Amino acid sequence: MTFQTKLATAYSLAVVILCAMCVVSYCNATKIEETRQWGRHSSAVLHRNEALAENLARLEEISFEYAGTSDPQALASLDVARTGALSAAHDLRSLTADNLSQQQRLGLLDPKLVRYLGLLREAIMSPAIATAAGNAHAPATVRAFLPERAALSHDISDLIQQINAEEDRLSLVRRQAIDEALRRSSGYLAFGYASAIFLSVVCILILRGEMRHRAAIQNELEKAQVSLEHRVHERTEDLRAANLALQAQIEERKRAERQVQQLNASLEIRVEERTAELTQVVNELDSFCYTVSHDLRAPLRHVDGFSRILESEFGAELSDEARRHLRRIVQAVNRMGRLIDDLLDLSRIGRKKLIRRRVSVQDLVERSVANYRDSPDGRGVEWRIDPLPDFDCDPGLLEVVYANLIANAVKFTRGLPHRVIQFGALDTSSPATLFVRDNGVGFDPKYADKLFGAFQRLHPEDDFEGTGIGLATVQRIVLRHGGSIRAESQPGSGATFYFTLGAQTEGALARKLEEVKHVGV
């Protein structure tokens, strides 16, 4: 534990103890003040109880005085004493509202007091009192007239004594609580003082130990400084020698960098020349495909026309074998026409200007799927379209990509009881990789590199029709966008085509153009 940690711990303990002492002192002071308030409350109850007893005694005295003298002033004093007694009883009721036992006693006292005052007033106002004015036996007449008074007076006095006894008991309990709180506070304060003294001693010991430790460290530092100065001197000499060697290396590296820059400049020129040559080759190949396709249409039209004339005019004279050969000629001509059309499409894609804009791939795929959903080939297919991102690409060419991939998936899932074609994107790649997956017949993965070549087929034409140009068209569009395409499959487990539309480096673009040249050948 470090010196700062020790001091912080001791200081924290001191603060905690001080806060605890403050909290305890505040709680005890609050409790003492509350107990004192209850003591003052008990004093008020006792005072009003004494006032009630004094007013009752005053009523007794005034009643005898009035019975002997019939003095009107005595009657007025009687009313004052009666009012004081009722007021004292009402105050007692308010002061003891939180004490159930006292309320019960006051509940017994109130009707007795009212009855006692009523009987006393009736006795005073009786005509017998008036006739007994100046009679020495008037008090006895009054006592004879109020036979209940003695019992009521005794009950009232007893209840007043019970109230006094209860308040005396409560006062004693509250004084004991005050004494206990004071003793507890004294104990807490004594503990706090002892803890403060202990922590002070601990801090002194920590400081003393730290001072000794620092003195020892200072001595070690002085020794280390001397040793360090000697080593620095030695190291300076070594660094001076190393600096000279490093300067020689820097000069050598500068010469090497100049050579590398010259080589890079030469390489860039060669790359530009190679790129221009490859671009020219591709343009020449596109022009060649377009010219050949148009030149082949004329003889094909002649072959198809004369074959149909032969079938329509001389069909009856031909043998069955000859008619079968004639139908094969027509089918071959039609297939050759489709091949020429596909070659023209491939050539147009190579010449078409690439116009990039922000495209919602999600909407484009949904439109492409809608074209197949109600067609005979697309019936019975479960189309799964996952969320797809937006791309900066040529929307027309991207639609051609999805049209060829969808046609491919529909063709190779034909005949399955449950056909599934899924569209999605891999979020883990940047830029995102799009894919089209089906559960069709699939293919052997060792022939995957042949898929995207023109006229390349992995399945017999009798099983699955096609010219072998569709995937080559897809690859050319993807390459023109600076992306890449690949396929994964197993026989009988369907196929998945992954492609990107990201930017390509110059070297990668040159390699792709070289591949296109071989495809065209």
Protein backbone atom coordinates (compact mmCIF):
# COMPACT_ATOMS: atom_id res chain seq x y z
CA MET A 1 0.00 0.00 0.00
CA THR A 2 1.42 3.40 -1.00
CA PHE A 3 1.93 6.36 1.30
CA GLN A 4 -0.87 8.31 -0.36
CA THR A 5 -3.22 5.36 0.00
CA LYS A 6 -2.43 5.00 3.69
CA LEU A 7 -2.99 8.70 4.39
CA ALA A 8 -6.18 8.68 2.34
CA THR A 9 -7.43 5.65 4.25
CA ALA A 10 -6.68 7.24 7.64
CA TYR A 11 -8.26 10.52 6.56
CA SER A 12 -11.33 8.71 5.22
CA LEU A 13 -11.73 6.82 8.50
CA ALA A 14 -11.44 10.09 10.43
CA VAL A 15 -14.07 11.72 8.23
CA VAL A 16 -16.37 8.71 8.57
CA ILE A 17 -16.01 8.71 12.37
CA LEU A 18 -16.60 12.47 12.50
CA CYS A 19 -19.70 12.17 10.33
CA ALA A 20 -20.95 9.27 12.44
CA MET A 21 -20.41 11.32 15.63
CA CYS A 22 -22.27 14.26 14.08
CA VAL A 23 -25.16 12.04 13.04
CA VAL A 24 -25.36 10.33 16.43
CA SER A 25 -25.10 13.66 18.30
CA TYR A 26 -27.79 15.16 16.11
CA CYS A 27 -30.08 12.15 16.64
CA ASN A 28 -29.53 12.21 20.42
CA ALA A 29 -30.05 15.97 20.56
CA THR A 30 -33.23 15.61 18.54
CA LYS A 31 -34.44 12.85 20.83
CA ILE A 32 -33.55 14.85 23.98
CA GLU A 33 -35.36 17.90 22.63
CA GLU A 34 -38.37 15.77 21.75
CA THR A 35 -38.35 14.25 25.24
CA ARG A 36 -38.08 17.70 26.78
CA GLN A 37 -41.03 18.85 24.73
CA TRP A 38 -42.99 15.91 26.08
CA GLY A 39 -41.87 16.94 29.57
CA ARG A 40 -43.18 20.45 29.01
CA HIS A 41 -46.36 18.86 27.68
CA SER A 42 -46.71 16.83 30.89
CA SER A 43 -46.13 19.99 32.93
CA ALA A 44 -48.90 21.71 30.99
CA VAL A 45 -51.23 18.76 31.65
CA LEU A 46 -50.40 18.85 35.38
CA HIS A 47 -50.92 22.63 35.46
CA ARG A 48 -54.36 22.39 33.85
CA ASN A 49 -55.23 19.47 36.11
CA GLU A 50 -54.30 21.57 39.16
CA ALA A 51 -56.36 24.44 37.72
CA LEU A 52 -59.33 22.06 37.46
CA ALA A 53 -58.88 20.96 41.07
CA GLU A 54 -58.51 24.57 42.26
CA ASN A 55 -61.65 25.69 40.41
CA LEU A 56 -63.62 22.78 41.90
CA ALA A 57 -62.39 23.69 45.38
CA ARG A 58 -63.26 27.32 44.66
CA LEU A 59 -66.76 26.25 43.59
CA GLU A 60 -67.18 24.34 46.86
CA GLU A 61 -66.06 27.36 48.90
CA ILE A 62 -68.20 29.86 46.96
CA SER A 63 -71.27 27.62 47.22
CA PHE A 64 -71.01 27.61 51.02
CA GLU A 65 -70.36 31.36 51.02
CA TYR A 66 -73.40 32.03 48.91
CA ALA A 67 -75.53 29.68 51.01
CA GLY A 68 -74.63 31.73 54.08
CA THR A 69 -74.81 35.27 52.65
CA SER A 70 -76.72 35.12 49.32
CA ASP A 71 -74.25 37.72 48.11
CA PRO A 72 -74.67 38.42 44.35
CA GLN A 73 -70.88 38.89 44.02
CA ALA A 74 -70.42 35.34 45.32
CA LEU A 75 -72.78 34.16 42.58
CA ALA A 76 -70.66 35.94 39.92
CA SER A 77 -67.49 34.38 41.35
CA LEU A 78 -69.28 31.04 41.20
CA ASP A 79 -69.86 31.46 37.46
CA VAL A 80 -66.20 32.40 36.91
CA ALA A 81 -65.01 29.31 38.80
CA ARG A 82 -67.46 27.10 36.89
CA THR A 83 -66.21 28.48 33.54
CA GLY A 84 -62.59 27.95 34.65
CA ALA A 85 -63.31 24.33 35.58
CA LEU A 86 -64.92 23.58 32.19
CA SER A 87 -62.08 25.35 30.35
CA ALA A 88 -59.48 23.32 32.27
CA ALA A 89 -61.32 20.09 31.42
CA HIS A 90 -61.44 21.10 27.70
CA ASP A 91 -57.70 21.92 27.71
CA LEU A 92 -56.96 18.55 29.30
CA ARG A 93 -58.94 16.86 26.56
CA SER A 94 -56.84 18.67 23.88
CA LEU A 95 -53.47 18.15 25.61
CA THR A 96 -54.00 14.40 26.08
CA ALA A 97 -55.43 13.70 22.64
CA ASP A 98 -52.51 11.31 21.92
CA ASN A 99 -52.87 9.38 25.22
CA LEU A 100 -55.63 6.79 25.12
CA SER A 101 -55.60 6.05 28.86
CA GLN A 102 -55.88 9.73 29.76
CA GLN A 103 -58.67 10.16 27.22
CA GLN A 104 -60.53 7.31 28.85
CA ARG A 105 -60.17 8.96 32.27
CA LEU A 106 -61.34 12.30 30.85
CA GLY A 107 -64.24 10.45 29.26
CA LEU A 108 -65.27 9.39 32.77
CA LEU A 109 -64.50 12.83 34.23
CA ASP A 110 -66.49 14.98 31.79
CA PRO A 111 -70.02 13.63 32.57
CA LYS A 112 -69.32 13.56 36.31
CA LEU A 113 -68.05 17.15 36.18
CA VAL A 114 -71.07 18.31 34.19
CA ARG A 115 -73.40 16.52 36.62
CA TYR A 116 -71.57 17.92 39.63
CA LEU A 117 -71.76 21.49 38.35
CA GLY A 118 -75.42 21.07 37.45
CA LEU A 119 -76.36 19.76 40.92
CA LEU A 120 -74.34 22.53 42.55
CA ARG A 121 -76.17 25.21 40.56
CA GLU A 122 -79.58 23.69 41.32
CA ALA A 123 -78.77 23.62 45.03
CA ILE A 124 -77.68 27.26 45.02
CA MET A 125 -80.67 28.45 43.03
CA SER A 126 -83.19 26.49 45.22
CA PRO A 127 -85.79 28.64 47.13
CA ALA A 128 -84.76 26.88 50.31
CA ILE A 129 -81.46 28.72 50.07
CA ALA A 130 -83.19 32.05 49.85
CA THR A 131 -85.24 31.37 52.99
CA ALA A 132 -82.13 30.17 54.77
CA ALA A 133 -80.33 33.54 54.39
CA GLY A 134 -78.65 34.43 57.66
CA ASN A 135 -79.35 31.01 59.06
CA ALA A 136 -76.33 29.43 60.71
CA HIS A 137 -77.44 26.04 59.50
CA ALA A 138 -77.58 27.04 55.83
CA PRO A 139 -74.53 24.95 54.78
CA ALA A 140 -76.08 21.85 56.28
CA THR A 141 -79.25 22.57 54.34
CA VAL A 142 -77.26 22.79 51.18
CA ARG A 143 -75.47 19.51 51.90
CA ALA A 144 -78.80 17.84 52.60
CA PHE A 145 -80.14 19.21 49.30
CA LEU A 146 -77.23 17.65 47.30
CA PRO A 147 -76.90 14.03 48.40
CA GLU A 148 -74.93 13.07 45.21
CA ARG A 149 -72.35 15.80 45.51
CA ALA A 150 -70.12 13.98 47.98
CA ALA A 151 -69.91 10.89 45.77
CA LEU A 152 -69.32 12.94 42.61
CA SER A 153 -66.73 15.09 44.35
CA HIS A 154 -64.91 11.97 45.54
CA ASP A 155 -64.98 10.41 42.03
CA ILE A 156 -63.77 13.62 40.41
CA SER A 157 -60.95 13.98 42.94
CA ASP A 158 -59.95 10.37 42.37
CA LEU A 159 -59.86 10.83 38.56
CA ILE A 160 -57.81 14.02 38.93
CA GLN A 161 -55.32 12.13 41.09
CA GLN A 162 -55.14 9.33 38.52
CA ILE A 163 -54.41 11.86 35.75
CA ASN A 164 -51.72 13.44 37.92
CA ALA A 165 -50.22 10.01 38.69
CA GLU A 166 -50.12 9.08 34.96
CA GLU A 167 -48.44 12.34 33.99
CA ASP A 168 -45.94 11.94 36.86
CA ARG A 169 -45.14 8.46 35.54
CA LEU A 170 -44.70 9.74 31.99
CA SER A 171 -42.46 12.56 33.23
CA LEU A 172 -40.29 10.05 35.07
CA VAL A 173 -40.00 7.83 31.95
CA ARG A 174 -39.06 10.82 29.80
CA ARG A 175 -36.44 12.02 32.31
CA GLN A 176 -34.96 8.53 32.27
CA ALA A 177 -34.91 8.61 28.44
CA ILE A 178 -33.10 11.95 28.56
CA ASP A 179 -30.54 10.54 30.99
CA GLU A 180 -30.05 7.47 28.78
CA ALA A 181 -29.59 9.63 25.66
CA LEU A 182 -27.04 11.78 27.49
CA ARG A 183 -25.12 8.69 28.61
CA ARG A 184 -25.19 7.30 25.04
CA SER A 185 -23.97 10.60 23.63
CA SER A 186 -21.16 10.68 26.16
CA GLY A 187 -20.17 7.15 25.17
CA TYR A 188 -20.17 7.98 21.45
CA LEU A 189 -18.16 11.14 22.04
CA ALA A 190 -15.65 9.20 24.13
CA PHE A 191 -15.35 6.61 21.35
CA GLY A 192 -14.93 9.36 18.77
CA TYR A 193 -12.20 11.08 20.77
CA ALA A 194 -10.41 7.78 21.29
CA SER A 195 -10.67 6.97 17.56
CA ALA A 196 -9.38 10.43 16.64
CA ILE A 197 -6.40 10.00 18.98
CA PHE A 198 -5.72 6.54 17.57
CA LEU A 199 -5.89 7.78 13.96
CA SER A 200 -3.62 10.70 14.82
CA VAL A 201 -1.06 8.28 16.23
CA VAL A 202 -1.41 6.08 13.14
CA CYS A 203 -0.89 9.07 10.82
CA ILE A 204 2.20 10.13 12.80
CA LEU A 205 3.63 6.62 12.52
CA ILE A 206 2.86 6.52 8.79
CA LEU A 207 4.54 9.90 8.24
CA ARG A 208 7.56 8.86 10.27
CA GLY A 209 7.92 5.61 8.34
CA GLU A 210 7.47 7.43 5.02
CA MET A 211 10.15 9.97 5.95
CA ARG A 212 12.60 7.17 6.76
CA HIS A 213 11.69 5.40 3.54
CA ARG A 214 12.19 8.57 1.51
CA ALA A 215 15.55 9.24 3.15
CA ALA A 216 16.69 5.74 2.18
CA ILE A 217 15.41 6.25 -1.36
CA GLN A 218 17.19 9.60 -1.56
CA ASN A 219 20.48 7.92 -0.67
CA GLU A 220 19.89 5.24 -3.29
CA LEU A 221 18.97 7.89 -5.86
CA GLU A 222 22.20 9.76 -5.22
CA LYS A 223 24.19 6.60 -5.72
CA ALA A 224 22.18 5.74 -8.82
CA GLN A 225 22.70 9.27 -10.19
CA VAL A 226 26.47 8.89 -10.00
CA SER A 227 26.29 5.52 -11.73
CA LEU A 228 23.87 6.90 -14.29
CA GLU A 229 26.10 9.82 -15.18
CA HIS A 230 28.96 7.40 -15.82
CA ARG A 231 26.73 5.21 -17.98
CA VAL A 232 25.35 8.24 -19.84
CA HIS A 233 28.86 9.29 -20.71
CA GLU A 234 29.62 5.82 -22.03
CA ARG A 235 26.31 5.67 -23.88
CA THR A 236 26.92 9.09 -25.43
CA GLU A 237 30.12 7.84 -26.95
CA ASP A 238 28.34 4.75 -28.26
CA LEU A 239 25.53 6.90 -29.71
CA ARG A 240 28.00 9.20 -31.41
CA ALA A 241 29.58 6.21 -33.15
CA ALA A 242 26.12 4.77 -33.98
CA ASN A 243 25.02 8.15 -35.36
CA LEU A 244 27.88 8.16 -37.81
CA ALA A 245 26.96 4.65 -38.95
CA LEU A 246 23.28 5.66 -39.19
CA GLN A 247 24.08 8.64 -41.38
CA ALA A 248 25.88 6.33 -43.75
CA GLN A 249 22.84 4.05 -43.82
CA ILE A 250 20.53 7.00 -44.45
CA GLU A 251 22.56 8.04 -47.45
CA GLU A 252 22.42 4.49 -48.75
CA ARG A 253 18.64 4.37 -48.25
CA LYS A 254 18.18 7.68 -50.05
CA ARG A 255 20.03 6.27 -53.04
CA ALA A 256 17.82 3.17 -52.89
CA GLU A 257 14.66 5.32 -52.67
CA ARG A 258 15.68 7.30 -55.73
CA GLN A 259 16.13 4.06 -57.60
CA VAL A 260 12.71 2.80 -56.41
CA GLN A 261 11.07 6.04 -57.54
CA GLN A 262 12.63 5.68 -60.96
CA LEU A 263 11.42 2.07 -61.15
CA ASN A 264 7.91 3.12 -60.03
CA ALA A 265 7.75 5.82 -62.70
CA SER A 266 8.84 3.30 -65.31
CA LEU A 267 6.31 0.74 -64.00
CA GLU A 268 3.44 3.25 -64.10
CA ILE A 269 4.24 4.04 -67.71
CA ARG A 270 4.28 0.33 -68.54
CA VAL A 271 0.97 -0.20 -66.70
CA GLU A 272 -0.67 2.65 -68.61
CA GLU A 273 0.62 1.27 -71.89
CA ARG A 274 -0.56 -2.25 -70.97
CA THR A 275 -3.97 -0.93 -69.92
CA ALA A 276 -4.34 0.96 -73.20
CA GLU A 277 -3.37 -2.17 -75.15
CA LEU A 278 -5.84 -4.32 -73.23
CA THR A 279 -8.61 -1.74 -73.68
CA GLN A 280 -7.90 -1.67 -77.43
CA VAL A 281 -7.97 -5.49 -77.55
CA VAL A 282 -11.32 -5.58 -75.76
CA ASN A 283 -12.79 -2.98 -78.09
CA GLU A 284 -11.51 -4.93 -81.10
CA LEU A 285 -13.00 -8.14 -79.68
CA ASP A 286 -16.37 -6.46 -79.10
CA SER A 287 -16.33 -5.11 -82.66
CA PHE A 288 -15.34 -8.55 -83.98
CA CYS A 289 -18.22 -10.26 -82.08
CA TYR A 290 -20.71 -7.71 -83.33
CA THR A 291 -19.52 -8.03 -86.96
CA VAL A 292 -19.42 -11.84 -86.90
CA SER A 293 -22.89 -12.03 -85.33
CA HIS A 294 -24.39 -9.80 -88.02
CA ASP A 295 -22.57 -11.62 -90.84
CA LEU A 296 -23.83 -14.99 -89.58
CA ARG A 297 -27.49 -13.94 -89.55
CA ALA A 298 -27.85 -13.79 -93.33
CA PRO A 299 -26.83 -17.43 -94.10
CA LEU A 300 -28.83 -18.62 -91.10
CA ARG A 301 -31.93 -16.90 -92.41
CA HIS A 302 -31.34 -18.55 -95.76
CA VAL A 303 -30.92 -22.00 -94.19
CA ASP A 304 -34.02 -21.52 -92.04
CA GLY A 305 -36.09 -20.19 -94.95
CA PHE A 306 -35.15 -22.90 -97.42
CA SER A 307 -35.65 -25.58 -94.73
CA ARG A 308 -39.18 -24.36 -94.05
CA ILE A 309 -39.92 -24.19 -97.84
CA LEU A 310 -38.61 -27.72 -98.25
CA GLU A 311 -40.76 -28.93 -95.35
CA SER A 312 -43.93 -27.17 -96.52
CA GLU A 313 -43.71 -27.91 -100.29
CA PHE A 314 -41.92 -31.25 -100.44
CA GLY A 315 -42.70 -32.63 -96.96
CA ALA A 316 -45.11 -35.24 -98.30
CA GLU A 317 -42.48 -36.61 -100.66
CA LEU A 318 -39.78 -36.87 -97.98
CA SER A 319 -39.26 -39.98 -95.92
CA ASP A 320 -39.64 -39.98 -92.17
CA GLU A 321 -35.87 -40.04 -91.72
CA ALA A 322 -35.50 -37.03 -94.04
CA ARG A 323 -38.16 -35.07 -92.11
CA ARG A 324 -36.36 -35.83 -88.83
CA HIS A 325 -33.10 -34.53 -90.32
CA LEU A 326 -34.92 -31.46 -91.57
CA ARG A 327 -36.36 -30.73 -88.09
CA ARG A 328 -32.87 -31.11 -86.63
CA ILE A 329 -31.58 -28.57 -89.16
CA VAL A 330 -34.33 -26.10 -88.11
CA GLN A 331 -33.59 -26.67 -84.40
CA ALA A 332 -29.86 -26.16 -85.00
CA VAL A 333 -30.58 -22.95 -86.92
CA ASN A 334 -32.79 -21.67 -84.08
CA ARG A 335 -30.12 -22.53 -81.51
CA MET A 336 -27.51 -20.76 -83.65
CA GLY A 337 -29.83 -17.71 -83.78
CA ARG A 338 -30.08 -17.66 -80.00
CA LEU A 339 -26.30 -17.91 -79.76
CA ILE A 340 -25.91 -14.96 -82.10
CA ASP A 341 -28.45 -12.95 -80.07
CA ASP A 342 -26.57 -13.72 -76.86
CA LEU A 343 -23.27 -12.75 -78.51
CA LEU A 344 -24.82 -9.46 -79.63
CA ASP A 345 -26.07 -8.82 -76.07
CA LEU A 346 -22.61 -9.58 -74.72
CA SER A 347 -21.06 -7.23 -77.28
CA ARG A 348 -23.55 -4.46 -76.49
CA ILE A 349 -22.80 -4.76 -72.77
CA GLY A 350 -19.10 -4.33 -73.53
CA ARG A 351 -19.79 -1.15 -75.56
CA LYS A 352 -22.55 0.33 -73.40
CA LYS A 353 -21.52 3.43 -71.42
CA LEU A 354 -21.60 2.81 -67.67
CA ILE A 355 -23.96 5.32 -65.99
CA ARG A 356 -23.75 5.06 -62.20
CA ARG A 357 -26.41 6.35 -59.85
CA ARG A 358 -27.85 5.39 -56.46
CA VAL A 359 -29.99 2.29 -56.95
CA SER A 360 -32.32 0.56 -54.48
CA VAL A 361 -31.33 -3.09 -55.00
CA GLN A 362 -34.35 -4.12 -52.91
CA ASP A 363 -36.82 -2.52 -55.36
CA LEU A 364 -34.88 -3.79 -58.39
CA VAL A 365 -34.96 -7.42 -57.15
CA GLU A 366 -38.67 -7.21 -56.32
CA ARG A 367 -39.40 -5.96 -59.86
CA SER A 368 -37.29 -8.73 -61.39
CA VAL A 369 -39.03 -11.38 -59.27
CA ALA A 370 -42.44 -9.96 -60.22
CA ASN A 371 -41.70 -10.77 -63.87
CA TYR A 372 -41.30 -14.47 -62.99
CA ARG A 373 -43.86 -14.82 -60.20
CA ASP A 374 -46.87 -15.41 -62.48
CA SER A 375 -44.97 -17.03 -65.38
CA PRO A 376 -45.18 -20.82 -65.95
CA ASP A 377 -41.51 -21.30 -65.00
CA GLY A 378 -41.87 -19.22 -61.83
CA ARG A 379 -44.95 -20.93 -60.39
CA GLY A 380 -44.37 -22.98 -57.30
CA VAL A 381 -41.17 -21.09 -56.39
CA GLU A 382 -40.75 -19.79 -52.84
CA TRP A 383 -39.11 -16.38 -53.26
CA ARG A 384 -37.11 -15.22 -50.21
CA ILE A 385 -35.94 -11.58 -50.39
CA ASP A 386 -33.81 -10.45 -47.45
CA PRO A 387 -33.11 -6.74 -46.78
CA LEU A 388 -30.71 -5.48 -49.47
CA PRO A 389 -28.51 -2.33 -49.40
CA ASP A 390 -28.40 0.51 -51.91
CA PHE A 391 -25.52 0.71 -54.44
CA ASP A 392 -23.98 3.22 -56.82
CA CYS A 393 -24.22 1.31 -60.11
CA ASP A 394 -25.82 1.20 -63.55
CA PRO A 395 -29.44 0.14 -62.86
CA GLY A 396 -30.00 -1.30 -66.36
CA LEU A 397 -26.91 -3.52 -66.21
CA LEU A 398 -27.64 -4.62 -62.63
CA GLU A 399 -31.14 -5.63 -63.76
CA VAL A 400 -29.52 -7.78 -66.50
CA VAL A 401 -27.34 -9.43 -63.80
CA TYR A 402 -30.35 -10.37 -61.68
CA ALA A 403 -32.40 -11.42 -64.74
CA ASN A 404 -29.70 -13.91 -65.81
CA LEU A 405 -29.14 -15.22 -62.24
CA ILE A 406 -32.91 -15.61 -61.66
CA ALA A 407 -33.34 -17.40 -65.01
CA ASN A 408 -30.44 -19.67 -64.11
CA ALA A 409 -31.95 -20.47 -60.66
CA VAL A 410 -35.45 -21.05 -62.10
CA LYS A 411 -34.04 -23.37 -64.80
CA PHE A 412 -31.99 -25.57 -62.44
CA THR A 413 -34.79 -25.88 -59.80
CA ARG A 414 -37.34 -27.02 -62.36
CA GLY A 415 -38.86 -30.37 -61.48
CA LEU A 416 -38.21 -30.11 -57.70
CA PRO A 417 -41.24 -30.52 -55.38
CA HIS A 418 -40.17 -27.51 -53.26
CA ARG A 419 -38.29 -24.76 -55.11
CA VAL A 420 -36.58 -21.99 -53.09
CA ILE A 421 -34.71 -18.97 -54.50
CA GLN A 422 -33.20 -16.54 -52.00
CA PHE A 423 -31.72 -13.05 -52.41
CA GLY A 424 -29.56 -11.42 -49.71
CA ALA A 425 -26.37 -9.60 -48.74
CA LEU A 426 -23.44 -10.36 -46.45
CA ASP A 427 -22.98 -7.49 -43.96
CA THR A 428 -19.50 -8.65 -42.91
CA SER A 429 -17.85 -7.51 -46.15
CA SER A 430 -17.10 -3.97 -47.37
CA PRO A 431 -18.44 -3.27 -49.87
CA ALA A 432 -21.38 -5.58 -49.16
CA THR A 433 -21.47 -8.89 -51.04
CA LEU A 434 -24.78 -9.72 -52.73
CA PHE A 435 -25.84 -13.29 -53.35
CA VAL A 436 -28.50 -15.37 -55.14
CA ARG A 437 -29.08 -18.88 -53.73
CA ASP A 438 -31.22 -21.77 -54.98
CA ASN A 439 -31.83 -25.39 -53.96
CA GLY A 440 -31.49 -26.79 -57.49
CA VAL A 441 -29.34 -29.56 -58.91
CA GLY A 442 -26.05 -27.74 -58.20
CA PHE A 443 -22.71 -28.61 -59.84
CA ASP A 444 -19.32 -30.10 -59.07
CA PRO A 445 -17.20 -27.35 -57.42
CA LYS A 446 -14.04 -28.42 -59.24
CA TYR A 447 -15.60 -27.02 -62.45
CA ALA A 448 -16.54 -23.67 -60.86
CA ASP A 449 -13.80 -21.81 -62.80
CA LYS A 450 -15.50 -22.79 -66.10
CA LEU A 451 -18.93 -21.39 -65.22
CA PHE A 452 -18.30 -17.84 -66.42
CA GLY A 453 -16.70 -18.70 -69.78
CA ALA A 454 -18.69 -18.17 -72.96
CA PHE A 455 -20.40 -21.32 -74.27
CA GLN A 456 -19.34 -23.28 -71.16
CA ARG A 457 -21.95 -25.81 -69.94
CA LEU A 458 -21.78 -28.20 -66.97
CA HIS A 459 -25.08 -29.99 -67.74
CA PRO A 460 -26.34 -31.68 -70.94
CA GLU A 461 -28.47 -29.46 -73.21
CA ASP A 462 -31.14 -32.18 -73.34
CA ASP A 463 -31.65 -31.74 -69.54
CA PHE A 464 -31.32 -27.95 -69.28
CA GLU A 465 -31.58 -25.62 -72.27
CA GLY A 466 -29.27 -22.62 -72.73
CA THR A 467 -26.43 -21.14 -74.76
CA GLY A 468 -23.78 -20.71 -72.07
CA ILE A 469 -23.64 -16.91 -72.48
CA GLY A 470 -25.74 -15.80 -69.48
CA LEU A 471 -23.10 -16.17 -66.76
CA ALA A 472 -20.42 -14.72 -69.05
CA THR A 473 -22.67 -11.66 -69.43
CA VAL A 474 -23.10 -11.45 -65.66
CA GLN A 475 -19.33 -11.60 -65.14
CA ARG A 476 -18.65 -8.87 -67.68
CA ILE A 477 -21.19 -6.51 -66.05
CA VAL A 478 -19.75 -7.17 -62.59
CA LEU A 479 -16.20 -6.59 -63.84
CA ARG A 480 -17.23 -3.33 -65.51
CA HIS A 481 -18.47 -2.16 -62.09
CA GLY A 482 -15.07 -3.02 -60.58
CA GLY A 483 -16.41 -6.02 -58.67
CA SER A 484 -15.96 -9.78 -58.62
CA ILE A 485 -18.17 -12.87 -58.79
CA ARG A 486 -17.81 -16.44 -57.60
CA ALA A 487 -20.02 -19.51 -57.19
CA GLU A 488 -20.30 -22.19 -54.49
CA SER A 489 -22.18 -25.46 -54.87
CA GLN A 490 -22.37 -29.19 -54.30
CA PRO A 491 -24.18 -31.66 -56.57
CA GLY A 492 -27.82 -31.93 -55.46
CA SER A 493 -27.47 -29.13 -52.85
CA GLY A 494 -28.18 -26.06 -54.98
CA ALA A 495 -25.85 -23.21 -55.90
CA THR A 496 -25.01 -19.76 -54.51
CA PHE A 497 -23.60 -16.90 -56.63
CA TYR A 498 -21.77 -14.16 -54.69
CA PHE A 499 -20.82 -10.87 -56.35
CA THR A 500 -19.66 -7.38 -55.39
CA LEU A 501 -19.87 -4.02 -57.13
CA GLY A 502 -16.85 -2.37 -55.48
CA ALA A 503 -13.89 -0.46 -56.92
CA GLN A 504 -10.90 -2.30 -58.38
CA THR A 505 -7.20 -1.39 -58.41
CA GLU A 506 -5.45 -0.86 -61.74
CA GLY A 507 -3.64 -4.20 -61.48
CA ALA A 508 -6.85 -6.07 -60.71
CA LEU A 509 -8.63 -4.30 -63.57
CA ALA A 510 -5.87 -5.33 -65.96
CA ARG A 511 -6.20 -8.96 -64.88
CA LYS A 512 -9.97 -8.87 -65.36
CA LEU A 513 -9.61 -7.35 -68.82
CA GLU A 514 -7.16 -10.15 -69.68
CA GLU A 515 -9.82 -12.67 -68.57
CA VAL A 516 -12.39 -10.92 -70.76
CA LYS A 517 -10.02 -11.20 -73.72
CA HIS A 518 -9.79 -14.96 -73.25
CA VAL A 519 -13.60 -15.18 -72.85
CA GLY A 520 -14.08 -13.34 -76.13
CA VAL A 521 -11.64 -15.63 -77.90
